[in-house]
Amino acid sequence: MKNSNVARSYFVLPCCILLLNLCVGMVGYKAKMLGDPFLQVAAVIAMVLFGGSMVSFVLAPAIEALVGALHRGSRRRWGELGEIVFVLLLGILVFWLYYRMYILGPEYLLPREWRNPHRF
């Protein structure tokens, strides 16, 4: 197996899956805007059922293509050092996004105008 395939198989693709998982978390966060819990669950199920094809056929390939293009570009420009820097930066970015999502809350990934209103 070539080095680029190893990096892609064991690091880049799992990072893409983690990024897609963040999208699912954001959908769940936005569904909380609905007041009724049954409507929240129905909205999440509908988004998963109907949005699943959109994610699998459009979003996942787009994220993978973007990350793949950045990976190839850094490797082509700077060789092995570029690949190492790319992998480190991708790992740091995914860690930072997950930190914000699960420690601070999903609203910290969104601009202030897009955040759910707080109901007490």
Protein backbone atom coordinates (compact mmCIF):
# COMPACT_ATOMS: atom_id res chain seq x y z
CA MET A 1 0.00 0.00 0.00
CA LYS A 2 1.36 3.41 -0.93
CA ASN A 3 1.97 6.06 1.73
CA SER A 4 -0.72 8.35 0.33
CA ASN A 5 -3.25 5.51 0.52
CA VAL A 6 -2.26 4.79 4.12
CA ALA A 7 -2.74 8.42 5.12
CA ARG A 8 -6.01 8.54 3.22
CA SER A 9 -7.37 5.26 4.60
CA TYR A 10 -6.35 5.65 8.22
CA PHE A 11 -6.63 9.38 8.79
CA VAL A 12 -8.25 11.47 6.04
CA LEU A 13 -11.39 9.34 5.56
CA PRO A 14 -12.06 8.98 9.32
CA CYS A 15 -11.70 12.76 9.63
CA CYS A 16 -14.31 13.16 6.86
CA ILE A 17 -16.64 10.85 8.78
CA LEU A 18 -16.08 12.91 11.94
CA LEU A 19 -16.90 16.10 10.02
CA LEU A 20 -20.12 14.51 8.74
CA ASN A 21 -20.96 13.55 12.32
CA LEU A 22 -20.66 17.23 13.26
CA CYS A 23 -23.29 17.98 10.59
CA VAL A 24 -25.63 15.44 12.21
CA GLY A 25 -25.05 17.11 15.59
CA MET A 26 -25.97 20.47 14.12
CA VAL A 27 -29.20 19.04 12.68
CA GLY A 28 -30.12 17.74 16.13
CA TYR A 29 -29.34 21.12 17.67
CA LYS A 30 -31.50 23.02 15.17
CA ALA A 31 -34.39 20.54 15.66
CA LYS A 32 -34.61 21.72 19.27
CA MET A 33 -36.21 24.93 17.98
CA LEU A 34 -39.45 22.97 17.66
CA GLY A 35 -41.34 23.08 20.94
CA ASP A 36 -42.99 19.69 20.98
CA PRO A 37 -40.64 16.72 21.68
CA PHE A 38 -42.60 14.51 19.26
CA LEU A 39 -42.14 17.11 16.51
CA GLN A 40 -38.42 17.27 17.33
CA VAL A 41 -38.08 13.52 16.93
CA ALA A 42 -40.20 13.52 13.76
CA ALA A 43 -38.11 16.35 12.30
CA VAL A 44 -34.84 14.55 13.04
CA ILE A 45 -36.17 11.31 11.55
CA ALA A 46 -37.42 13.14 8.45
CA MET A 47 -34.10 14.92 8.06
CA VAL A 48 -32.24 11.62 8.38
CA LEU A 49 -34.56 9.76 5.99
CA PHE A 50 -34.75 12.43 3.30
CA GLY A 51 -31.43 14.11 3.99
CA GLY A 52 -29.53 10.82 4.09
CA SER A 53 -29.39 10.59 0.33
CA MET A 54 -28.29 14.23 0.12
CA VAL A 55 -25.51 13.58 2.61
CA SER A 56 -24.37 10.32 1.05
CA PHE A 57 -24.53 11.47 -2.57
CA VAL A 58 -23.60 15.16 -2.30
CA LEU A 59 -22.14 16.20 1.03
CA ALA A 60 -19.86 13.23 1.75
CA PRO A 61 -18.26 13.21 -1.71
CA ALA A 62 -17.88 17.00 -1.57
CA ILE A 63 -16.11 16.89 1.81
CA GLU A 64 -13.95 13.99 0.67
CA ALA A 65 -13.09 15.80 -2.59
CA LEU A 66 -12.20 19.02 -0.77
CA VAL A 67 -10.05 17.27 1.82
CA GLY A 68 -8.50 15.07 -0.90
CA ALA A 69 -7.65 18.10 -3.05
CA LEU A 70 -6.05 19.87 -0.09
CA HIS A 71 -4.14 16.70 0.76
CA ARG A 72 -2.85 16.21 -2.79
CA GLY A 73 -1.95 19.89 -3.11
CA SER A 74 0.07 19.98 0.08
CA ARG A 75 1.82 16.73 -0.82
CA ARG A 76 2.61 17.95 -4.34
CA ARG A 77 3.99 21.30 -3.15
CA TRP A 78 5.97 20.28 -0.10
CA GLY A 79 6.35 16.48 -0.39
CA GLU A 80 6.43 14.36 2.75
CA LEU A 81 6.68 17.44 4.98
CA GLY A 82 3.54 18.84 3.33
CA GLU A 83 1.67 15.62 4.00
CA ILE A 84 2.75 15.59 7.64
CA VAL A 85 1.72 19.25 8.09
CA PHE A 86 -1.60 18.60 6.36
CA VAL A 87 -2.40 15.59 8.56
CA LEU A 88 -1.48 17.52 11.71
CA LEU A 89 -3.56 20.55 10.72
CA LEU A 90 -6.54 18.38 9.78
CA GLY A 91 -6.33 16.59 13.12
CA ILE A 92 -6.10 19.89 15.01
CA LEU A 93 -9.08 21.30 13.07
CA VAL A 94 -11.27 18.26 13.75
CA PHE A 95 -10.28 18.26 17.45
CA TRP A 96 -11.06 21.98 17.74
CA LEU A 97 -14.46 21.57 16.06
CA TYR A 98 -15.36 18.62 18.30
CA TYR A 99 -14.22 20.54 21.39
CA ARG A 100 -16.50 23.41 20.49
CA MET A 101 -19.40 21.07 19.67
CA TYR A 102 -19.30 18.79 22.71
CA ILE A 103 -17.71 20.91 25.44
CA LEU A 104 -18.96 24.43 24.66
CA GLY A 105 -22.11 23.41 22.79
CA PRO A 106 -23.22 23.29 19.15
CA GLU A 107 -24.25 26.95 19.20
CA TYR A 108 -20.56 27.89 19.34
CA LEU A 109 -20.07 26.50 15.82
CA LEU A 110 -22.72 28.83 14.40
CA PRO A 111 -22.76 32.57 13.85
CA ARG A 112 -24.73 34.40 16.54
CA GLU A 113 -27.65 35.10 14.15
CA TRP A 114 -28.16 31.38 13.43
CA ARG A 115 -28.24 30.23 17.05
CA ASN A 116 -31.40 28.86 18.61
CA PRO A 117 -33.20 31.28 20.90
CA HIS A 118 -32.88 30.34 24.56
CA ARG A 119 -36.15 29.35 26.20
CA PHE A 120 -36.31 29.18 29.96
